[in-house]
Amino acid sequence: MAKSFYHFLMKYRHPMPKDPISHFANHAYEDHSFPKGSIDYDEISSYLEMNGHYLNNMAVFDEAWDHYIITEKD
């Protein structure tokens, strides 16, 4: 089983984020409702569209998802 997207994203957390993915990771960590166990693009995307007020642009999620697919998915 692949690592969840949230688990993958947490490697980008940084106390002084310098890029959009690190900002996203920090905010997702603080978002207690984030679908932490999900590996499903549509589920996470829908969640972020409704609840991801901390994302200025969904392109940040898409970029992070692309990295996730390349490095984590079976």
PDB file of N, CA and C in Angstrom:
ATOM      1  N   MET A   1       0.851  -1.194   0.000  1.00  0.00           N
ATOM      2  CA  MET A   1       0.000   0.000   0.000  1.00  0.00           C
ATOM      3  C   MET A   1       0.888   1.246   0.000  1.00  0.00           C
ATOM      4  N   ALA A   2       0.512   2.189  -0.807  1.00  0.00           N
ATOM      5  CA  ALA A   2       1.276   3.435  -0.909  1.00  0.00           C
ATOM      6  C   ALA A   2       1.074   4.295   0.333  1.00  0.00           C
ATOM      7  N   LYS A   3       2.049   5.102   0.607  1.00  0.00           N
ATOM      8  CA  LYS A   3       1.978   6.088   1.680  1.00  0.00           C
ATOM      9  C   LYS A   3       0.853   7.073   1.339  1.00  0.00           C
ATOM     10  N   SER A   4       0.118   7.537   2.338  1.00  0.00           N
ATOM     11  CA  SER A   4      -0.935   8.517   2.076  1.00  0.00           C
ATOM     12  C   SER A   4      -0.331   9.827   1.572  1.00  0.00           C
ATOM     13  N   PHE A   5      -1.137  10.591   0.844  1.00  0.00           N
ATOM     14  CA  PHE A   5      -0.668  11.874   0.341  1.00  0.00           C
ATOM     15  C   PHE A   5      -0.255  12.778   1.504  1.00  0.00           C
ATOM     16  N   TYR A   6      -1.054  12.792   2.558  1.00  0.00           N
ATOM     17  CA  TYR A   6      -0.738  13.624   3.726  1.00  0.00           C
ATOM     18  C   TYR A   6       0.633  13.242   4.295  1.00  0.00           C
ATOM     19  N   HIS A   7       0.873  11.944   4.460  1.00  0.00           N
ATOM     20  CA  HIS A   7       2.156  11.478   5.002  1.00  0.00           C
ATOM     21  C   HIS A   7       3.304  11.932   4.093  1.00  0.00           C
ATOM     22  N   PHE A   8       3.107  11.813   2.781  1.00  0.00           N
ATOM     23  CA  PHE A   8       4.096  12.301   1.816  1.00  0.00           C
ATOM     24  C   PHE A   8       4.317  13.806   1.971  1.00  0.00           C
ATOM     25  N   LEU A   9       3.223  14.548   2.071  1.00  0.00           N
ATOM     26  CA  LEU A   9       3.294  16.009   2.136  1.00  0.00           C
ATOM     27  C   LEU A   9       4.046  16.489   3.374  1.00  0.00           C
ATOM     28  N   MET A  10       3.971  15.742   4.450  1.00  0.00           N
ATOM     29  CA  MET A  10       4.597  16.177   5.697  1.00  0.00           C
ATOM     30  C   MET A  10       6.115  16.293   5.603  1.00  0.00           C
ATOM     31  N   LYS A  11       6.722  15.640   4.626  1.00  0.00           N
ATOM     32  CA  LYS A  11       8.177  15.787   4.487  1.00  0.00           C
ATOM     33  C   LYS A  11       8.545  17.182   3.989  1.00  0.00           C
ATOM     34  N   TYR A  12       7.560  17.952   3.529  1.00  0.00           N
ATOM     35  CA  TYR A  12       7.796  19.319   3.065  1.00  0.00           C
ATOM     36  C   TYR A  12       7.558  20.370   4.149  1.00  0.00           C
ATOM     37  N   ARG A  13       7.104  19.944   5.332  1.00  0.00           N
ATOM     38  CA  ARG A  13       6.914  20.910   6.422  1.00  0.00           C
ATOM     39  C   ARG A  13       8.236  21.562   6.759  1.00  0.00           C
ATOM     40  N   HIS A  14       8.168  22.848   7.055  1.00  0.00           N
ATOM     41  CA  HIS A  14       9.389  23.584   7.368  1.00  0.00           C
ATOM     42  C   HIS A  14       9.022  24.762   8.266  1.00  0.00           C
ATOM     43  N   PRO A  15       9.800  25.028   9.304  1.00  0.00           N
ATOM     44  CA  PRO A  15       9.472  26.145  10.210  1.00  0.00           C
ATOM     45  C   PRO A  15       9.510  27.514   9.525  1.00  0.00           C
ATOM     46  N   MET A  16      10.299  27.630   8.468  1.00  0.00           N
ATOM     47  CA  MET A  16      10.355  28.886   7.715  1.00  0.00           C
ATOM     48  C   MET A  16      10.179  28.558   6.235  1.00  0.00           C
ATOM     49  N   PRO A  17       8.940  28.255   5.825  1.00  0.00           N
ATOM     50  CA  PRO A  17       8.716  27.802   4.451  1.00  0.00           C
ATOM     51  C   PRO A  17       9.135  28.848   3.423  1.00  0.00           C
ATOM     52  N   LYS A  18       9.782  28.362   2.381  1.00  0.00           N
ATOM     53  CA  LYS A  18      10.289  29.244   1.340  1.00  0.00           C
ATOM     54  C   LYS A  18       9.595  29.011  -0.002  1.00  0.00           C
ATOM     55  N   ASP A  19       8.710  28.027  -0.073  1.00  0.00           N
ATOM     56  CA  ASP A  19       8.034  27.737  -1.327  1.00  0.00           C
ATOM     57  C   ASP A  19       6.569  27.366  -1.056  1.00  0.00           C
ATOM     58  N   PRO A  20       5.727  27.410  -2.083  1.00  0.00           N
ATOM     59  CA  PRO A  20       4.289  27.158  -1.891  1.00  0.00           C
ATOM     60  C   PRO A  20       3.965  25.774  -1.336  1.00  0.00           C
ATOM     61  N   ILE A  21       4.727  24.749  -1.709  1.00  0.00           N
ATOM     62  CA  ILE A  21       4.429  23.406  -1.199  1.00  0.00           C
ATOM     63  C   ILE A  21       4.718  23.325   0.297  1.00  0.00           C
ATOM     64  N   SER A  22       5.763  23.974   0.751  1.00  0.00           N
ATOM     65  CA  SER A  22       6.047  23.995   2.196  1.00  0.00           C
ATOM     66  C   SER A  22       4.958  24.739   2.963  1.00  0.00           C
ATOM     67  N   HIS A  23       4.473  25.846   2.411  1.00  0.00           N
ATOM     68  CA  HIS A  23       3.345  26.553   3.030  1.00  0.00           C
ATOM     69  C   HIS A  23       2.131  25.633   3.106  1.00  0.00           C
ATOM     70  N   PHE A  24       1.845  24.938   2.001  1.00  0.00           N
ATOM     71  CA  PHE A  24       0.723  23.999   1.937  1.00  0.00           C
ATOM     72  C   PHE A  24       0.892  22.913   3.007  1.00  0.00           C
ATOM     73  N   ALA A  25       2.074  22.340   3.109  1.00  0.00           N
ATOM     74  CA  ALA A  25       2.324  21.282   4.091  1.00  0.00           C
ATOM     75  C   ALA A  25       2.106  21.782   5.511  1.00  0.00           C
ATOM     76  N   ASN A  26       2.594  22.969   5.812  1.00  0.00           N
ATOM     77  CA  ASN A  26       2.412  23.529   7.153  1.00  0.00           C
ATOM     78  C   ASN A  26       0.934  23.723   7.464  1.00  0.00           C
ATOM     79  N   HIS A  27       0.173  24.248   6.506  1.00  0.00           N
ATOM     80  CA  HIS A  27      -1.255  24.471   6.732  1.00  0.00           C
ATOM     81  C   HIS A  27      -2.023  23.153   6.817  1.00  0.00           C
ATOM     82  N   ALA A  28      -1.671  22.193   5.981  1.00  0.00           N
ATOM     83  CA  ALA A  28      -2.338  20.889   6.040  1.00  0.00           C
ATOM     84  C   ALA A  28      -2.107  20.237   7.401  1.00  0.00           C
ATOM     85  N   TYR A  29      -0.924  20.409   7.954  1.00  0.00           N
ATOM     86  CA  TYR A  29      -0.613  19.869   9.279  1.00  0.00           C
ATOM     87  C   TYR A  29      -1.539  20.468  10.342  1.00  0.00           C
ATOM     88  N   GLU A  30      -1.841  21.751  10.206  1.00  0.00           N
ATOM     89  CA  GLU A  30      -2.713  22.431  11.163  1.00  0.00           C
ATOM     90  C   GLU A  30      -4.197  22.138  10.921  1.00  0.00           C
ATOM     91  N   ASP A  31      -4.532  21.605   9.745  1.00  0.00           N
ATOM     92  CA  ASP A  31      -5.916  21.308   9.362  1.00  0.00           C
ATOM     93  C   ASP A  31      -6.297  19.930   9.892  1.00  0.00           C
ATOM     94  N   HIS A  32      -6.968  19.895  11.024  1.00  0.00           N
ATOM     95  CA  HIS A  32      -7.275  18.629  11.690  1.00  0.00           C
ATOM     96  C   HIS A  32      -8.306  17.787  10.945  1.00  0.00           C
ATOM     97  N   SER A  33      -8.987  18.358   9.956  1.00  0.00           N
ATOM     98  CA  SER A  33      -9.969  17.616   9.173  1.00  0.00           C
ATOM     99  C   SER A  33      -9.402  17.099   7.850  1.00  0.00           C
ATOM    100  N   PHE A  34      -8.164  17.433   7.536  1.00  0.00           N
ATOM    101  CA  PHE A  34      -7.551  16.988   6.280  1.00  0.00           C
ATOM    102  C   PHE A  34      -7.657  15.464   6.183  1.00  0.00           C
ATOM    103  N   PRO A  35      -8.006  14.934   5.003  1.00  0.00           N
ATOM    104  CA  PRO A  35      -8.125  13.464   4.850  1.00  0.00           C
ATOM    105  C   PRO A  35      -6.754  12.789   4.887  1.00  0.00           C
ATOM    106  N   LYS A  36      -6.266  12.575   6.084  1.00  0.00           N
ATOM    107  CA  LYS A  36      -4.890  12.139   6.309  1.00  0.00           C
ATOM    108  C   LYS A  36      -4.557  10.758   5.757  1.00  0.00           C
ATOM    109  N   GLY A  37      -5.533   9.889   5.665  1.00  0.00           N
ATOM    110  CA  GLY A  37      -5.259   8.535   5.186  1.00  0.00           C
ATOM    111  C   GLY A  37      -5.495   8.330   3.707  1.00  0.00           C
ATOM    112  N   SER A  38      -5.905   9.360   3.007  1.00  0.00           N
ATOM    113  CA  SER A  38      -6.317   9.210   1.609  1.00  0.00           C
ATOM    114  C   SER A  38      -5.147   9.122   0.642  1.00  0.00           C
ATOM    115  N   ILE A  39      -5.350   8.297  -0.391  1.00  0.00           N
ATOM    116  CA  ILE A  39      -4.431   8.231  -1.519  1.00  0.00           C
ATOM    117  C   ILE A  39      -5.189   8.572  -2.805  1.00  0.00           C
ATOM    118  N   ASP A  40      -6.393   9.133  -2.660  1.00  0.00           N
ATOM    119  CA  ASP A  40      -7.287   9.398  -3.790  1.00  0.00           C
ATOM    120  C   ASP A  40      -7.280  10.879  -4.174  1.00  0.00           C
ATOM    121  N   TYR A  41      -6.868  11.167  -5.402  1.00  0.00           N
ATOM    122  CA  TYR A  41      -6.783  12.553  -5.887  1.00  0.00           C
ATOM    123  C   TYR A  41      -8.116  13.272  -5.762  1.00  0.00           C
ATOM    124  N   ASP A  42      -9.193  12.631  -6.237  1.00  0.00           N
ATOM    125  CA  ASP A  42     -10.500  13.298  -6.241  1.00  0.00           C
ATOM    126  C   ASP A  42     -10.986  13.623  -4.830  1.00  0.00           C
ATOM    127  N   GLU A  43     -10.778  12.720  -3.900  1.00  0.00           N
ATOM    128  CA  GLU A  43     -11.188  12.966  -2.515  1.00  0.00           C
ATOM    129  C   GLU A  43     -10.439  14.164  -1.927  1.00  0.00           C
ATOM    130  N   ILE A  44      -9.136  14.196  -2.110  1.00  0.00           N
ATOM    131  CA  ILE A  44      -8.334  15.276  -1.540  1.00  0.00           C
ATOM    132  C   ILE A  44      -8.629  16.587  -2.256  1.00  0.00           C
ATOM    133  N   SER A  45      -8.734  16.540  -3.577  1.00  0.00           N
ATOM    134  CA  SER A  45      -9.028  17.741  -4.351  1.00  0.00           C
ATOM    135  C   SER A  45     -10.373  18.344  -3.946  1.00  0.00           C
ATOM    136  N   SER A  46     -11.389  17.506  -3.824  1.00  0.00           N
ATOM    137  CA  SER A  46     -12.716  17.989  -3.408  1.00  0.00           C
ATOM    138  C   SER A  46     -12.656  18.592  -2.013  1.00  0.00           C
ATOM    139  N   TYR A  47     -11.947  17.922  -1.120  1.00  0.00           N
ATOM    140  CA  TYR A  47     -11.806  18.452   0.236  1.00  0.00           C
ATOM    141  C   TYR A  47     -11.175  19.841   0.203  1.00  0.00           C
ATOM    142  N   LEU A  48     -10.084  19.976  -0.556  1.00  0.00           N
ATOM    143  CA  LEU A  48      -9.374  21.257  -0.602  1.00  0.00           C
ATOM    144  C   LEU A  48     -10.211  22.349  -1.262  1.00  0.00           C
ATOM    145  N   GLU A  49     -10.987  21.982  -2.274  1.00  0.00           N
ATOM    146  CA  GLU A  49     -11.840  22.982  -2.924  1.00  0.00           C
ATOM    147  C   GLU A  49     -12.870  23.540  -1.942  1.00  0.00           C
ATOM    148  N   MET A  50     -13.334  22.699  -1.025  1.00  0.00           N
ATOM    149  CA  MET A  50     -14.344  23.136  -0.053  1.00  0.00           C
ATOM    150  C   MET A  50     -13.735  23.699   1.231  1.00  0.00           C
ATOM    151  N   ASN A  51     -12.553  23.232   1.608  1.00  0.00           N
ATOM    152  CA  ASN A  51     -11.993  23.562   2.921  1.00  0.00           C
ATOM    153  C   ASN A  51     -10.572  24.118   2.898  1.00  0.00           C
ATOM    154  N   GLY A  52      -9.955  24.140   1.741  1.00  0.00           N
ATOM    155  CA  GLY A  52      -8.553  24.536   1.666  1.00  0.00           C
ATOM    156  C   GLY A  52      -8.357  26.024   1.481  1.00  0.00           C
ATOM    157  N   HIS A  53      -8.991  26.800   2.351  1.00  0.00           N
ATOM    158  CA  HIS A  53      -8.894  28.262   2.277  1.00  0.00           C
ATOM    159  C   HIS A  53      -7.447  28.744   2.350  1.00  0.00           C
ATOM    160  N   TYR A  54      -6.575  27.912   2.865  1.00  0.00           N
ATOM    161  CA  TYR A  54      -5.169  28.275   3.004  1.00  0.00           C
ATOM    162  C   TYR A  54      -4.387  28.116   1.695  1.00  0.00           C
ATOM    163  N   LEU A  55      -5.009  27.511   0.687  1.00  0.00           N
ATOM    164  CA  LEU A  55      -4.354  27.379  -0.620  1.00  0.00           C
ATOM    165  C   LEU A  55      -4.787  28.537  -1.507  1.00  0.00           C
ATOM    166  N   ASN A  56      -3.834  29.341  -1.952  1.00  0.00           N
ATOM    167  CA  ASN A  56      -4.161  30.448  -2.848  1.00  0.00           C
ATOM    168  C   ASN A  56      -4.525  29.944  -4.229  1.00  0.00           C
ATOM    169  N   ASN A  57      -4.020  28.769  -4.578  1.00  0.00           N
ATOM    170  CA  ASN A  57      -4.186  28.248  -5.923  1.00  0.00           C
ATOM    171  C   ASN A  57      -4.125  26.726  -5.871  1.00  0.00           C
ATOM    172  N   MET A  58      -5.084  26.060  -6.499  1.00  0.00           N
ATOM    173  CA  MET A  58      -5.084  24.594  -6.512  1.00  0.00           C
ATOM    174  C   MET A  58      -3.902  24.030  -7.293  1.00  0.00           C
ATOM    175  N   ALA A  59      -3.230  24.860  -8.071  1.00  0.00           N
ATOM    176  CA  ALA A  59      -2.048  24.392  -8.803  1.00  0.00           C
ATOM    177  C   ALA A  59      -0.964  23.912  -7.841  1.00  0.00           C
ATOM    178  N   VAL A  60      -0.938  24.473  -6.631  1.00  0.00           N
ATOM    179  CA  VAL A  60       0.034  24.035  -5.620  1.00  0.00           C
ATOM    180  C   VAL A  60      -0.253  22.582  -5.246  1.00  0.00           C
ATOM    181  N   PHE A  61      -1.523  22.260  -5.045  1.00  0.00           N
ATOM    182  CA  PHE A  61      -1.898  20.872  -4.759  1.00  0.00           C
ATOM    183  C   PHE A  61      -1.525  19.974  -5.930  1.00  0.00           C
ATOM    184  N   ASP A  62      -1.848  20.417  -7.149  1.00  0.00           N
ATOM    185  CA  ASP A  62      -1.546  19.603  -8.327  1.00  0.00           C
ATOM    186  C   ASP A  62      -0.046  19.329  -8.458  1.00  0.00           C
ATOM    187  N   GLU A  63       0.760  20.329  -8.185  1.00  0.00           N
ATOM    188  CA  GLU A  63       2.217  20.139  -8.246  1.00  0.00           C
ATOM    189  C   GLU A  63       2.671  19.144  -7.182  1.00  0.00           C
ATOM    190  N   ALA A  64       2.153  19.298  -5.968  1.00  0.00           N
ATOM    191  CA  ALA A  64       2.505  18.363  -4.894  1.00  0.00           C
ATOM    192  C   ALA A  64       2.027  16.952  -5.241  1.00  0.00           C
ATOM    193  N   TRP A  65       0.822  16.846  -5.823  1.00  0.00           N
ATOM    194  CA  TRP A  65       0.290  15.534  -6.209  1.00  0.00           C
ATOM    195  C   TRP A  65       1.191  14.884  -7.254  1.00  0.00           C
ATOM    196  N   ASP A  66       1.663  15.667  -8.231  1.00  0.00           N
ATOM    197  CA  ASP A  66       2.565  15.122  -9.252  1.00  0.00           C
ATOM    198  C   ASP A  66       3.825  14.545  -8.620  1.00  0.00           C
ATOM    199  N   HIS A  67       4.393  15.252  -7.639  1.00  0.00           N
ATOM    200  CA  HIS A  67       5.574  14.741  -6.921  1.00  0.00           C
ATOM    201  C   HIS A  67       5.221  13.447  -6.184  1.00  0.00           C
ATOM    202  N   TYR A  68       4.044  13.425  -5.587  1.00  0.00           N
ATOM    203  CA  TYR A  68       3.570  12.242  -4.855  1.00  0.00           C
ATOM    204  C   TYR A  68       3.471  11.037  -5.785  1.00  0.00           C
ATOM    205  N   ILE A  69       2.844  11.222  -6.937  1.00  0.00           N
ATOM    206  CA  ILE A  69       2.675  10.119  -7.885  1.00  0.00           C
ATOM    207  C   ILE A  69       4.029   9.576  -8.346  1.00  0.00           C
ATOM    208  N   ILE A  70       4.937  10.470  -8.641  1.00  0.00           N
ATOM    209  CA  ILE A  70       6.250  10.069  -9.142  1.00  0.00           C
ATOM    210  C   ILE A  70       7.033   9.293  -8.087  1.00  0.00           C
ATOM    211  N   THR A  71       6.952   9.724  -6.829  1.00  0.00           N
ATOM    212  CA  THR A  71       7.824   9.135  -5.808  1.00  0.00           C
ATOM    213  C   THR A  71       7.177   8.079  -4.923  1.00  0.00           C
ATOM    214  N   GLU A  72       5.846   8.077  -4.808  1.00  0.00           N
ATOM    215  CA  GLU A  72       5.231   7.222  -3.782  1.00  0.00           C
ATOM    216  C   GLU A  72       4.289   6.140  -4.301  1.00  0.00           C
ATOM    217  N   LYS A  73       3.562   6.406  -5.345  1.00  0.00           N
ATOM    218  CA  LYS A  73       2.527   5.447  -5.755  1.00  0.00           C
ATOM    219  C   LYS A  73       3.133   4.201  -6.360  1.00  0.00           C
ATOM    220  N   ASP A  74       2.426   3.085  -6.182  1.00  0.00           N
ATOM    221  CA  ASP A  74       2.869   1.800  -6.750  1.00  0.00           C
ATOM    222  C   ASP A  74       2.698   1.794  -8.247  1.00  0.00           C
TER     223      ASP A  74
END
